[in-house]
Protein backbone atom coordinates (compact mmCIF):
# COMPACT_ATOMS: atom_id res chain seq x y z
CA UNK A 1 56.93 -9.89 -71.55
CA UNK A 2 53.83 -8.24 -72.53
CA UNK A 3 50.89 -8.08 -70.47
CA UNK A 4 47.40 -9.56 -71.16
CA UNK A 5 44.99 -7.08 -72.69
CA UNK A 6 41.86 -7.28 -70.74
CA UNK A 7 38.78 -6.18 -72.39
CA UNK A 8 37.47 -2.76 -69.74
CA UNK A 9 33.88 -3.56 -68.17
CA UNK A 10 31.66 -0.92 -68.64
CA UNK A 11 32.14 1.92 -65.90
CA UNK A 12 28.12 2.40 -64.18
CA UNK A 13 29.40 4.75 -61.48
CA UNK A 14 27.65 8.08 -63.12
CA UNK A 15 24.71 6.22 -63.07
CA UNK A 16 24.58 4.51 -59.85
CA UNK A 17 25.13 7.74 -58.64
CA UNK A 18 22.74 9.30 -60.58
CA UNK A 19 19.88 6.91 -60.15
CA UNK A 20 20.66 6.75 -56.26
CA UNK A 21 20.13 10.61 -56.63
CA UNK A 22 16.90 10.57 -58.02
CA UNK A 23 15.35 8.01 -55.89
CA UNK A 24 16.42 9.66 -52.59
CA UNK A 25 15.10 12.96 -54.05
CA UNK A 26 11.62 11.50 -54.62
CA UNK A 27 11.98 9.79 -51.41
CA UNK A 28 11.88 12.58 -49.49
CA UNK A 29 8.27 13.24 -50.74
CA UNK A 30 6.63 10.06 -52.00
CA UNK A 31 5.84 7.67 -49.12
CA UNK A 32 6.50 3.17 -50.51
CA UNK A 33 6.34 3.81 -53.92
CA UNK A 34 9.97 2.28 -54.63
CA UNK A 35 8.54 -0.28 -56.88
CA UNK A 36 7.05 2.64 -59.35
CA UNK A 37 9.77 5.10 -59.04
CA UNK A 38 12.32 2.36 -59.59
CA UNK A 39 10.21 1.67 -62.69
CA UNK A 40 9.67 4.81 -64.05
CA UNK A 41 13.53 5.63 -63.50
CA UNK A 42 14.41 1.72 -65.50
CA UNK A 43 11.80 3.67 -68.34
CA UNK A 44 13.91 6.86 -69.16
CA UNK A 45 17.18 4.91 -69.09
CA UNK A 46 15.19 2.41 -71.92
CA UNK A 47 14.11 4.74 -73.95
CA UNK A 48 10.69 3.79 -73.22
CA UNK A 49 7.29 5.41 -72.26
CA UNK A 50 5.15 4.49 -68.78
CA UNK A 51 1.25 4.73 -68.19
CA UNK A 52 0.84 4.83 -64.61
CA UNK A 53 -2.77 3.11 -63.63
CA UNK A 54 -4.67 3.60 -60.19
CA UNK A 55 -7.34 5.08 -58.22
CA UNK A 56 -7.75 9.01 -57.91
CA UNK A 57 -5.24 10.31 -55.03
CA UNK A 58 -2.44 7.84 -54.77
CA UNK A 59 0.26 10.44 -56.13
CA UNK A 60 0.28 9.11 -59.86
CA UNK A 61 0.53 12.51 -61.02
CA UNK A 62 3.12 13.88 -58.52
CA UNK A 63 5.45 10.79 -58.65
CA UNK A 64 5.87 11.41 -62.42
CA UNK A 65 5.82 15.86 -61.85
CA UNK A 66 8.81 14.60 -59.55
CA UNK A 67 10.58 12.49 -61.50
CA UNK A 68 10.11 15.21 -64.14
CA UNK A 69 11.37 17.82 -62.08
CA UNK A 70 14.78 15.33 -60.78
CA UNK A 71 15.76 15.29 -64.64
CA UNK A 72 16.94 19.30 -64.87
CA UNK A 73 15.08 18.64 -69.00
CA UNK A 74 12.09 20.57 -70.58
CA UNK A 75 8.90 19.50 -69.13
CA UNK A 76 5.04 19.93 -70.12
CA UNK A 77 1.73 18.43 -68.92
CA UNK A 78 -1.31 18.23 -70.82
CA UNK A 79 -4.76 17.50 -68.89
CA UNK A 80 -6.66 14.82 -71.68
CA UNK A 81 -10.03 15.93 -71.24
CA UNK A 82 -13.41 14.08 -73.51
CA UNK A 83 -13.32 17.62 -75.55
CA UNK A 84 -9.06 17.90 -76.17
CA UNK A 85 -8.59 18.00 -80.29
CA UNK A 86 -5.07 16.25 -81.71
CA UNK A 87 -4.13 20.29 -82.28
CA UNK A 88 -4.00 21.02 -78.85
CA UNK A 89 -2.12 18.56 -78.24
CA UNK A 90 0.41 18.88 -81.69
CA UNK A 91 0.01 22.60 -82.41
CA UNK A 92 -1.52 24.02 -84.98
CA UNK A 93 -0.81 26.18 -88.21
CA UNK A 94 -1.14 29.93 -88.30
CA UNK A 95 -1.49 32.32 -90.41
CA UNK A 96 1.09 35.16 -90.12
CA UNK A 97 -0.30 38.26 -91.60
CA UNK A 98 2.84 39.86 -92.06
CA UNK A 99 4.74 37.20 -94.35
CA UNK A 100 1.00 35.72 -95.46
CA UNK A 101 2.13 32.37 -94.27
CA UNK A 102 1.05 30.05 -92.12
CA UNK A 103 3.73 29.29 -89.34
CA UNK A 104 3.78 26.05 -87.43
CA UNK A 105 2.89 26.99 -83.42
CA UNK A 106 4.08 23.72 -81.27
CA UNK A 107 1.79 22.32 -78.67
CA UNK A 108 2.87 20.88 -75.31
CA UNK A 109 4.33 17.72 -76.45
CA UNK A 110 7.26 19.53 -77.91
CA UNK A 111 9.01 18.80 -74.61
CA UNK A 112 11.76 16.60 -73.09
CA UNK A 113 9.27 14.95 -70.55
CA UNK A 114 5.70 15.53 -70.69
CA UNK A 115 3.17 14.55 -68.50
CA UNK A 116 -0.69 13.31 -70.20
CA UNK A 117 -2.45 13.07 -67.18
CA UNK A 118 -5.91 11.11 -67.15
CA UNK A 119 -5.01 9.58 -70.84
CA UNK A 120 -8.22 7.65 -71.20
CA UNK A 121 -10.29 10.44 -70.76
CA UNK A 122 -9.85 11.21 -74.21
CA UNK A 123 -11.34 9.86 -77.31
CA UNK A 124 -10.07 7.78 -79.65
CA UNK A 125 -9.35 10.89 -82.31
CA UNK A 126 -7.05 13.00 -79.77
CA UNK A 127 -5.22 9.44 -79.01
CA UNK A 128 -3.79 8.94 -82.16
CA UNK A 129 -2.43 12.11 -82.35
CA UNK A 130 0.44 10.05 -79.47
CA UNK A 131 0.75 7.19 -81.83
CA UNK A 132 3.49 8.60 -84.80
CA UNK A 133 5.00 10.81 -81.52
CA UNK A 134 5.77 8.26 -78.80
CA UNK A 135 6.92 5.62 -81.78
CA UNK A 136 9.18 7.85 -83.99
CA UNK A 137 9.82 10.72 -81.83
CA UNK A 138 7.98 12.74 -84.98
CA UNK A 139 5.06 14.53 -85.80
CA UNK A 140 4.00 15.40 -89.59
CA UNK A 141 1.36 18.21 -89.50
CA UNK A 142 0.36 19.31 -93.22
CA UNK A 143 3.00 17.00 -94.76
CA UNK A 144 6.40 18.27 -92.90
CA UNK A 145 7.57 16.70 -89.74
CA UNK A 146 8.73 18.18 -86.96
CA UNK A 147 11.37 15.86 -84.98
CA UNK A 148 11.15 15.94 -80.55
CA UNK A 149 13.65 16.97 -78.91
CA UNK A 150 16.09 14.26 -77.17
CA UNK A 151 15.75 12.94 -74.58
CA UNK A 152 11.94 12.14 -74.83
CA UNK A 153 9.88 10.16 -72.89
CA UNK A 154 5.49 10.15 -72.18
CA UNK A 155 4.34 9.56 -68.21
CA UNK A 156 0.83 9.05 -68.87
CA UNK A 157 -1.47 8.35 -65.82
CA UNK A 158 -4.85 6.86 -66.45
CA UNK A 159 -7.42 5.96 -63.92
CA UNK A 160 -8.83 2.44 -64.25
CA UNK A 161 -11.52 1.24 -66.55
CA UNK A 162 -14.25 0.82 -64.66
CA UNK A 163 -14.26 4.41 -63.47
CA UNK A 164 -16.93 6.96 -64.56
CA UNK A 165 -15.54 8.82 -67.74
CA UNK A 166 -13.36 6.73 -69.24
CA UNK A 167 -12.14 5.31 -72.57
CA UNK A 168 -10.10 1.53 -73.07
CA UNK A 169 -6.85 3.10 -74.95
CA UNK A 170 -6.59 1.16 -78.52
CA UNK A 171 -4.23 -2.00 -78.12
CA UNK A 172 -1.47 0.28 -81.14
CA UNK A 173 -1.03 2.94 -78.71
CA UNK A 174 -0.83 0.45 -75.45
CA UNK A 175 1.71 -1.42 -77.25
CA UNK A 176 4.31 1.54 -77.19
CA UNK A 177 4.09 2.13 -73.30
CA UNK A 178 7.08 0.10 -72.00
CA UNK A 179 5.75 -0.41 -69.25
CA UNK A 180 2.46 0.41 -66.96
CA UNK A 181 2.47 0.53 -63.83
CA UNK A 182 0.10 -0.36 -61.33
CA UNK A 183 -0.55 1.61 -58.07
CA UNK A 184 -2.32 0.06 -54.85
CA UNK A 185 -3.39 1.95 -51.71
CA UNK A 186 -0.76 2.45 -49.13
CA UNK A 187 -1.40 0.61 -46.37
CA UNK A 188 -2.03 1.68 -42.75
CA UNK A 189 1.28 3.10 -42.03
CA UNK A 190 1.93 4.49 -44.86
CA UNK A 191 -0.65 6.52 -44.93
CA UNK A 192 -0.14 7.94 -41.51
CA UNK A 193 3.11 8.66 -42.73
CA UNK A 194 2.44 10.52 -45.77
CA UNK A 195 -0.41 12.72 -43.34
CA UNK A 196 2.72 13.27 -40.67
CA UNK A 197 5.01 14.08 -43.63
CA UNK A 198 2.71 16.64 -44.80
CA UNK A 199 2.21 17.77 -41.40
CA UNK A 200 6.10 18.56 -41.07
CA UNK A 201 6.44 20.63 -44.82
CA UNK A 202 3.55 23.47 -43.88
CA UNK A 203 3.82 25.86 -46.33
CA UNK A 204 7.05 24.21 -48.41
CA UNK A 205 5.46 23.06 -51.51
CA UNK A 206 6.65 18.95 -52.86
CA UNK A 207 8.11 20.34 -55.68
CA UNK A 208 10.28 22.83 -54.00
CA UNK A 209 11.52 19.93 -52.04
CA UNK A 210 12.83 18.18 -54.99
CA UNK A 211 16.27 19.35 -56.63
CA UNK A 212 17.27 18.04 -60.17
CA UNK A 213 19.79 15.23 -59.46
CA UNK A 214 20.30 14.23 -63.83
CA UNK A 215 21.12 16.84 -66.51
CA UNK A 216 18.89 16.14 -70.74
CA UNK A 217 22.57 15.11 -72.25
CA UNK A 218 23.54 13.02 -69.44
CA UNK A 219 20.40 10.69 -69.84
CA UNK A 220 21.21 11.05 -74.16
CA UNK A 221 24.78 9.74 -72.54
CA UNK A 222 23.33 6.63 -69.78
CA UNK A 223 21.13 6.03 -72.58
CA UNK A 224 23.59 5.10 -74.68
CA UNK A 225 25.50 3.16 -72.21
CA UNK A 226 22.85 0.92 -71.56
CA UNK A 227 22.12 -0.22 -75.03
CA UNK A 228 26.28 -1.66 -74.95
CA UNK A 229 25.11 -3.56 -71.66
CA UNK A 230 26.32 -7.04 -72.00
CA UNK A 231 23.21 -10.31 -72.95
CA UNK A 232 23.76 -13.54 -73.92
CA UNK A 233 22.32 -15.41 -76.06
CA UNK A 234 20.71 -17.88 -73.97
CA UNK A 235 18.67 -15.05 -72.22
CA UNK A 236 17.44 -13.71 -75.57
CA UNK A 237 16.14 -17.15 -76.38
CA UNK A 238 14.70 -17.31 -73.22
CA UNK A 239 12.79 -13.45 -73.87
CA UNK A 240 11.87 -15.05 -77.18
CA UNK A 241 10.02 -18.29 -75.16
CA UNK A 242 8.38 -16.08 -72.81
CA UNK A 243 6.84 -13.63 -75.64
CA UNK A 244 6.30 -16.46 -77.73
CA UNK A 245 4.26 -18.61 -75.21
CA UNK A 246 1.63 -15.49 -74.47
CA UNK A 247 0.48 -16.16 -78.31
CA UNK A 248 -0.16 -19.77 -77.56
CA UNK A 249 -2.02 -20.01 -74.11
CA UNK A 250 -5.09 -20.95 -73.59
CA UNK A 251 -5.89 -17.53 -70.95
CA UNK A 252 -4.67 -15.70 -73.81
CA UNK A 253 -7.02 -14.44 -76.84
CA UNK A 254 -4.31 -12.08 -78.08
CA UNK A 255 -0.43 -12.55 -77.36
CA UNK A 256 2.17 -9.80 -77.22
CA UNK A 257 4.20 -8.55 -80.37
CA UNK A 258 7.75 -8.75 -80.95
CA UNK A 259 8.00 -5.31 -79.70
CA UNK A 260 6.96 -6.97 -76.18
CA UNK A 261 10.43 -8.82 -76.66
CA UNK A 262 12.56 -5.82 -77.37
CA UNK A 263 11.01 -3.56 -74.23
CA UNK A 264 12.12 -6.94 -71.81
CA UNK A 265 15.70 -6.89 -72.92
CA UNK A 266 16.05 -2.65 -73.02
CA UNK A 267 13.91 -3.28 -69.28
CA UNK A 268 16.04 -5.65 -68.70
CA UNK A 269 19.90 -3.99 -69.50
CA UNK A 270 18.48 -0.78 -67.45
CA UNK A 271 17.88 -2.85 -64.47
CA UNK A 272 21.14 -4.47 -64.87
CA UNK A 273 22.53 -1.03 -65.15
CA UNK A 274 20.40 0.54 -61.82
CA UNK A 275 21.80 -2.68 -59.73
CA UNK A 276 25.49 -1.99 -60.97
CA UNK A 277 25.86 -4.55 -63.33
CA UNK A 278 27.33 -4.76 -67.23
CA UNK A 279 25.78 -7.83 -67.88
CA UNK A 280 22.07 -8.84 -67.39
CA UNK A 281 21.14 -12.05 -65.43
CA UNK A 282 17.37 -13.64 -65.13
CA UNK A 283 16.09 -12.16 -62.55
CA UNK A 284 16.44 -8.97 -64.72
CA UNK A 285 14.17 -10.20 -67.14
CA UNK A 286 11.84 -11.59 -64.44
CA UNK A 287 11.80 -8.42 -62.41
CA UNK A 288 10.75 -6.59 -65.82
CA UNK A 289 8.43 -8.79 -67.49
CA UNK A 290 5.37 -8.19 -65.67
CA UNK A 291 4.25 -4.34 -65.83
CA UNK A 292 5.98 -5.30 -69.82
CA UNK A 293 3.68 -7.93 -70.92
CA UNK A 294 0.78 -6.77 -68.22
CA UNK A 295 -0.99 -4.49 -71.53
CA UNK A 296 -0.09 -6.54 -74.01
CA UNK A 297 -1.85 -9.14 -73.98
CA UNK A 298 -5.75 -10.10 -73.95
CA UNK A 299 -7.45 -12.49 -71.86
CA UNK A 300 -9.97 -14.85 -73.44
CA UNK A 301 -12.69 -14.01 -72.74
CA UNK A 302 -13.84 -17.05 -70.34
CA UNK A 303 -11.16 -16.06 -68.39
CA UNK A 304 -12.40 -12.06 -67.76
CA UNK A 305 -15.60 -13.66 -66.14
CA UNK A 306 -14.05 -15.23 -64.39
CA UNK A 307 -12.09 -12.46 -63.20
CA UNK A 308 -8.83 -13.66 -63.66
CA UNK A 309 -5.61 -10.79 -64.25
CA UNK A 310 -3.70 -10.64 -66.36
CA UNK A 311 -0.80 -10.35 -64.24
CA UNK A 312 -1.57 -14.08 -62.65
CA UNK A 313 -1.53 -15.70 -66.78
CA UNK A 314 1.56 -13.98 -66.76
CA UNK A 315 3.04 -15.42 -64.28
CA UNK A 316 1.37 -18.96 -64.93
CA UNK A 317 2.96 -18.50 -68.52
CA UNK A 318 6.41 -17.73 -66.46
CA UNK A 319 6.31 -20.60 -64.23
CA UNK A 320 5.66 -22.78 -67.60
CA UNK A 321 9.10 -22.26 -68.91
CA UNK A 322 12.17 -23.23 -67.91
CA UNK A 323 14.35 -20.30 -66.45
CA UNK A 324 17.73 -20.27 -67.57
CA UNK A 325 20.29 -20.37 -65.06
């Protein structure tokens, strides 16, 4: 009698080992920002970009640099300033007198992990240089297309828009970020731990303490693996209903786009894989809904004046829908 053939479940051992290694490496330096680190890793696995918002000094840039250091791939950093030009980001054609031709000299955006620091301090003209790159993973200069190397990810930090010298990012650009992560101040106990930790480090720099835990090629393989994870039809319906509700809610002036639905599905698959599961649960979807949607909706003016936040409205939307069990 033939033995029954069972479909082999996705082996997530390598993925879980890599994720744990990255988190342990970053915990050597960063205190109390586990949620931020978890979302950044999920975005890396889900082929998404991340926008990190918080006041200066809460380790936004340091965390992004440490995540990049823990992945053995190309890294570059661009400091956005009011006088930054698109050519400073993408690159520019340079005349070669020997060949009597123009050669394209690539800018710092041509790397694997790109840290864009204080992204909302540059004007709209420079922001527009990122639109094609973030969505299509390519840059077009003088009619010629230059693809980005894989893996590619933008980690952007920004200060709250109430701060001096900041610009509000256009909706089309915000929509290209998988997550918007808000970073709060540390608690008093966490701040004391930060002081003790940096005191003990002495002359050792933070970057020297972190070792690569994942190769760039491994990231590409893990991304392919995550796309094959199981998500039931009822959960896809739940995602569609959730996003659709943002377009019909009385407190929301502009709802989320279909890109948000795809973002929730892809991010929830990454979250499931990080938990060691090869299938998505409602908790995975609920865990990513707020960071996926908070920058994709615009509140009605009267709600903004009342001081209601996007997070509060998104939670209201979630509570108005029956969560599948």
